[in-house]
Amino acid sequence: MNRVTVIGAGNGGVSMAAWLSLRGCSVSLYDKFDQALKGIKKAGGIMLREPLTEGFAQIDTVTSDIAVALQDSELIMVVTPAFAHG
């Protein structure tokens, strides 16, 4: 799998984006709120620290534009609360 879009930049989405990146996927991270993406954009990625995986995960696209986030994606992961799925 080459390109994955993660929708939602809360705790779950950010963790999933970092985990996928550290496993070789090209990751696009989308959130409708720019504020949720600000720190990730500034850093150029996410530092993941968990018991089995640790490292800096480069996130290729960090955006609040859904069309940009979905471009060329092979898999879309929706990592949001159920009320946000619609």
N, C-alpha and C. Protein backbone atom coordinates (compact mmCIF):
# COMPACT_ATOMS: atom_id res chain seq x y z
N MET A 1 0.85 -1.18 0.00
CA MET A 1 0.00 0.00 0.00
C MET A 1 0.89 1.24 0.00
N ASN A 2 0.67 2.11 -0.94
CA ASN A 2 1.51 3.30 -1.06
C ASN A 2 0.94 4.53 -0.38
N ARG A 3 -0.26 4.93 -0.73
CA ARG A 3 -0.80 6.21 -0.27
C ARG A 3 -2.05 6.00 0.57
N VAL A 4 -2.02 6.53 1.80
CA VAL A 4 -3.14 6.40 2.72
C VAL A 4 -3.55 7.79 3.17
N THR A 5 -4.86 8.04 3.21
CA THR A 5 -5.39 9.27 3.79
C THR A 5 -6.02 8.95 5.12
N VAL A 6 -5.63 9.69 6.15
CA VAL A 6 -6.23 9.56 7.47
C VAL A 6 -7.08 10.81 7.67
N ILE A 7 -8.37 10.59 7.89
CA ILE A 7 -9.30 11.69 8.12
C ILE A 7 -9.52 11.81 9.61
N GLY A 8 -9.13 12.94 10.15
CA GLY A 8 -9.26 13.21 11.57
C GLY A 8 -7.90 13.33 12.23
N ALA A 9 -7.62 14.50 12.81
CA ALA A 9 -6.32 14.73 13.44
C ALA A 9 -6.45 14.84 14.96
N GLY A 10 -7.34 14.02 15.50
CA GLY A 10 -7.40 13.89 16.95
C GLY A 10 -6.35 12.89 17.39
N ASN A 11 -6.43 12.42 18.62
CA ASN A 11 -5.43 11.48 19.13
C ASN A 11 -5.32 10.22 18.28
N GLY A 12 -6.46 9.64 17.91
CA GLY A 12 -6.45 8.41 17.13
C GLY A 12 -5.91 8.61 15.73
N GLY A 13 -6.35 9.67 15.06
CA GLY A 13 -5.90 9.93 13.70
C GLY A 13 -4.43 10.25 13.61
N VAL A 14 -3.94 11.04 14.53
CA VAL A 14 -2.52 11.41 14.55
C VAL A 14 -1.67 10.17 14.82
N SER A 15 -2.10 9.34 15.77
CA SER A 15 -1.36 8.11 16.07
C SER A 15 -1.35 7.18 14.87
N MET A 16 -2.49 7.02 14.21
CA MET A 16 -2.58 6.15 13.05
C MET A 16 -1.71 6.67 11.90
N ALA A 17 -1.75 7.98 11.66
CA ALA A 17 -0.94 8.57 10.60
C ALA A 17 0.55 8.32 10.85
N ALA A 18 0.99 8.53 12.07
CA ALA A 18 2.39 8.32 12.41
C ALA A 18 2.78 6.85 12.27
N TRP A 19 1.94 5.96 12.78
CA TRP A 19 2.21 4.52 12.72
C TRP A 19 2.34 4.06 11.28
N LEU A 20 1.42 4.48 10.41
CA LEU A 20 1.48 4.10 9.00
C LEU A 20 2.72 4.66 8.32
N SER A 21 3.07 5.89 8.62
CA SER A 21 4.26 6.50 8.03
C SER A 21 5.52 5.73 8.41
N LEU A 22 5.63 5.37 9.67
CA LEU A 22 6.80 4.64 10.14
C LEU A 22 6.89 3.23 9.55
N ARG A 23 5.80 2.77 8.97
CA ARG A 23 5.80 1.48 8.30
C ARG A 23 5.88 1.59 6.79
N GLY A 24 6.25 2.77 6.31
CA GLY A 24 6.55 2.95 4.89
C GLY A 24 5.46 3.50 4.02
N CYS A 25 4.32 3.85 4.58
CA CYS A 25 3.24 4.42 3.77
C CYS A 25 3.45 5.91 3.56
N SER A 26 3.01 6.39 2.42
CA SER A 26 2.90 7.82 2.17
C SER A 26 1.56 8.24 2.77
N VAL A 27 1.59 9.17 3.71
CA VAL A 27 0.39 9.51 4.47
C VAL A 27 -0.05 10.94 4.21
N SER A 28 -1.35 11.07 4.00
CA SER A 28 -2.01 12.37 3.93
C SER A 28 -2.92 12.47 5.15
N LEU A 29 -2.78 13.54 5.92
CA LEU A 29 -3.58 13.73 7.12
C LEU A 29 -4.51 14.91 6.90
N TYR A 30 -5.81 14.68 7.09
CA TYR A 30 -6.83 15.72 6.90
C TYR A 30 -7.57 15.98 8.20
N ASP A 31 -7.85 17.25 8.44
CA ASP A 31 -8.79 17.65 9.49
C ASP A 31 -9.46 18.92 9.01
N LYS A 32 -10.72 19.08 9.34
CA LYS A 32 -11.44 20.27 8.87
C LYS A 32 -11.04 21.51 9.66
N PHE A 33 -10.36 21.32 10.78
CA PHE A 33 -9.92 22.45 11.59
C PHE A 33 -8.42 22.67 11.42
N ASP A 34 -8.04 23.80 10.85
CA ASP A 34 -6.62 24.11 10.64
C ASP A 34 -5.83 24.08 11.94
N GLN A 35 -6.46 24.48 13.03
CA GLN A 35 -5.77 24.53 14.32
C GLN A 35 -5.26 23.16 14.74
N ALA A 36 -6.00 22.11 14.40
CA ALA A 36 -5.59 20.75 14.75
C ALA A 36 -4.34 20.32 14.00
N LEU A 37 -4.06 20.96 12.88
CA LEU A 37 -2.94 20.57 12.01
C LEU A 37 -1.71 21.47 12.19
N LYS A 38 -1.87 22.57 12.87
CA LYS A 38 -0.83 23.59 12.95
C LYS A 38 0.53 23.05 13.44
N GLY A 39 0.53 22.33 14.54
CA GLY A 39 1.79 21.81 15.09
C GLY A 39 2.44 20.77 14.19
N ILE A 40 1.63 19.95 13.56
CA ILE A 40 2.15 18.90 12.67
C ILE A 40 2.77 19.54 11.43
N LYS A 41 2.10 20.55 10.89
CA LYS A 41 2.66 21.28 9.73
C LYS A 41 4.00 21.91 10.10
N LYS A 42 4.04 22.55 11.24
CA LYS A 42 5.27 23.23 11.67
C LYS A 42 6.43 22.26 11.85
N ALA A 43 6.14 21.10 12.44
CA ALA A 43 7.18 20.10 12.71
C ALA A 43 7.52 19.28 11.47
N GLY A 44 6.61 19.23 10.50
CA GLY A 44 6.83 18.41 9.31
C GLY A 44 6.51 16.94 9.53
N GLY A 45 5.87 16.66 10.66
CA GLY A 45 5.52 15.28 10.97
C GLY A 45 5.13 15.12 12.42
N ILE A 46 5.20 13.88 12.89
CA ILE A 46 4.72 13.53 14.22
C ILE A 46 5.76 12.65 14.92
N MET A 47 6.06 12.97 16.16
CA MET A 47 6.92 12.11 16.96
C MET A 47 6.03 11.09 17.66
N LEU A 48 6.23 9.82 17.35
CA LEU A 48 5.43 8.75 17.93
C LEU A 48 6.25 8.04 18.99
N ARG A 49 5.66 7.90 20.16
CA ARG A 49 6.29 7.16 21.25
C ARG A 49 5.28 6.17 21.80
N GLU A 50 5.51 4.92 21.57
CA GLU A 50 4.67 3.86 22.10
C GLU A 50 5.58 2.68 22.41
N PRO A 51 5.09 1.70 23.14
CA PRO A 51 5.97 0.60 23.55
C PRO A 51 6.66 -0.16 22.40
N LEU A 52 6.00 -0.34 21.27
CA LEU A 52 6.57 -1.14 20.20
C LEU A 52 7.15 -0.32 19.04
N THR A 53 6.79 0.94 18.96
CA THR A 53 7.25 1.77 17.85
C THR A 53 7.59 3.16 18.36
N GLU A 54 8.73 3.67 17.94
CA GLU A 54 9.10 5.02 18.33
C GLU A 54 9.88 5.64 17.20
N GLY A 55 9.62 6.90 16.94
CA GLY A 55 10.37 7.62 15.92
C GLY A 55 9.61 8.80 15.37
N PHE A 56 10.30 9.57 14.55
CA PHE A 56 9.67 10.73 13.91
C PHE A 56 9.07 10.28 12.58
N ALA A 57 7.79 10.50 12.43
CA ALA A 57 7.05 10.08 11.24
C ALA A 57 6.79 11.29 10.35
N GLN A 58 7.37 11.28 9.17
CA GLN A 58 7.11 12.35 8.21
C GLN A 58 5.71 12.15 7.64
N ILE A 59 4.92 13.21 7.63
CA ILE A 59 3.59 13.17 7.05
C ILE A 59 3.66 13.98 5.76
N ASP A 60 3.40 13.32 4.65
CA ASP A 60 3.62 13.92 3.34
C ASP A 60 2.68 15.06 3.03
N THR A 61 1.42 14.93 3.41
CA THR A 61 0.43 15.98 3.17
C THR A 61 -0.35 16.21 4.45
N VAL A 62 -0.40 17.45 4.89
CA VAL A 62 -1.17 17.84 6.07
C VAL A 62 -2.06 18.98 5.62
N THR A 63 -3.39 18.74 5.60
CA THR A 63 -4.26 19.72 4.94
C THR A 63 -5.67 19.73 5.51
N SER A 64 -6.34 20.86 5.34
CA SER A 64 -7.76 20.98 5.66
C SER A 64 -8.59 21.02 4.37
N ASP A 65 -7.96 20.70 3.27
CA ASP A 65 -8.64 20.62 1.96
C ASP A 65 -8.85 19.14 1.63
N ILE A 66 -10.09 18.69 1.70
CA ILE A 66 -10.37 17.26 1.53
C ILE A 66 -9.98 16.76 0.15
N ALA A 67 -10.13 17.57 -0.88
CA ALA A 67 -9.76 17.15 -2.24
C ALA A 67 -8.26 16.87 -2.33
N VAL A 68 -7.47 17.70 -1.70
CA VAL A 68 -6.01 17.51 -1.68
C VAL A 68 -5.68 16.25 -0.88
N ALA A 69 -6.33 16.08 0.24
CA ALA A 69 -6.06 14.92 1.11
C ALA A 69 -6.35 13.60 0.42
N LEU A 70 -7.39 13.56 -0.39
CA LEU A 70 -7.80 12.30 -1.02
C LEU A 70 -7.09 11.98 -2.32
N GLN A 71 -6.37 12.94 -2.85
CA GLN A 71 -5.71 12.75 -4.16
C GLN A 71 -4.78 11.54 -4.14
N ASP A 72 -5.00 10.62 -5.08
CA ASP A 72 -4.16 9.43 -5.28
C ASP A 72 -4.16 8.44 -4.12
N SER A 73 -5.12 8.53 -3.22
CA SER A 73 -5.16 7.61 -2.08
C SER A 73 -5.65 6.23 -2.48
N GLU A 74 -5.01 5.21 -1.92
CA GLU A 74 -5.42 3.83 -2.12
C GLU A 74 -6.29 3.35 -0.97
N LEU A 75 -6.16 4.00 0.18
CA LEU A 75 -6.94 3.63 1.36
C LEU A 75 -7.30 4.91 2.11
N ILE A 76 -8.55 4.98 2.56
CA ILE A 76 -9.02 6.11 3.35
C ILE A 76 -9.43 5.58 4.71
N MET A 77 -8.81 6.11 5.75
CA MET A 77 -9.14 5.71 7.12
C MET A 77 -9.84 6.87 7.81
N VAL A 78 -11.07 6.64 8.25
CA VAL A 78 -11.83 7.66 8.97
C VAL A 78 -11.63 7.40 10.46
N VAL A 79 -10.90 8.30 11.10
CA VAL A 79 -10.57 8.14 12.52
C VAL A 79 -11.15 9.34 13.26
N THR A 80 -12.48 9.34 13.33
CA THR A 80 -13.23 10.43 13.99
C THR A 80 -14.32 9.80 14.84
N PRO A 81 -14.89 10.59 15.76
CA PRO A 81 -16.05 10.08 16.51
C PRO A 81 -17.20 9.81 15.54
N ALA A 82 -18.09 8.92 15.91
CA ALA A 82 -19.19 8.53 15.04
C ALA A 82 -20.03 9.71 14.58
N PHE A 83 -20.23 10.71 15.43
CA PHE A 83 -21.06 11.84 15.03
C PHE A 83 -20.44 12.66 13.89
N ALA A 84 -19.17 12.49 13.64
CA ALA A 84 -18.49 13.26 12.59
C ALA A 84 -18.43 12.49 11.26
N HIS A 85 -18.87 11.24 11.22
CA HIS A 85 -18.75 10.44 10.01
C HIS A 85 -19.55 10.99 8.85
N GLY A 86 -20.68 11.58 9.09
CA GLY A 86 -21.50 12.14 8.03
C GLY A 86 -20.82 13.28 7.34
